[in-house]
Amino acid sequence: MSAARETVLGRVRDALALAPPARTTVPRAYRTGRLLPDEERLGLFTDRLTDYRATVLTCTADGTAAAVGRALADRGARRVGVPAGLDRSWLAGWDGEVFEDSADVPPRDLESLDGVVTGAAAGCAETGTVFLDASPDQGRRALSLVPDLHVCVVDLSTVEAGVPEALARLVTGRPTTLISGPSATSDIELERVEGVHGPRTLVVVVRTDA
């Protein structure tokens, strides 16, 4: 570290040490407790995700394998990564190689996968957001960010109307990834580029009776 930088940081530390303790109370009167019927939540969730250029497939719990298989087959996936806790019956409708991820696998090795299949912790209909919290059926963050295709299975029962309600489903302290459509960014000319910081293609399989 340079002497100049150390000097500046030292002055910041000294100033903080002399500052009086903060007594500001942060208002947290968020709007909570909103409820929507299943049909309305599904419609809003689907509309938002589609607007973000994600693909949404709906199915019953019994049709999960068929929906996941269709999502993978339609995109030519032959080698797919899964977290250790994923329900393997979800892959019964697909004929390909399954790679089980673990913390011992270097993230760079995940680039060779055609896609990844995960579960989800929750969803928000109002924003079209899927929440992953590194639970066994979702795996580590790298698994859902490195492969170019992400097929995410979401139970409609975990999709809340708004963000506060969805956040209430999460376990405090767990690493959380919020996904609203495929990864995308725009340059100064507003040219949209997808797949820069995560999957270029997102398919959300919504199970309506799970």
Foldseek 3Di string as FASTA:
>chain_A
DDPVVVVVVVVVVVVVVPDDDDPDDDDDPDDDDDADPLVVLVVLLCVQLVVLVAAEAEDAPVCLLVVVQCVCVVQPFAEEEWFPPADCVSVVNHDHHYHYDDPPDPLVVLLPGQEYEAEFQAAESNNSKTKHQCPRRHHDPSRQFRHQEYEYEYESVRYGHHDVHNVVSDDPPTDMDIDRYFAWDADPVRDIDGNPGGHRHYYYYYHHHD
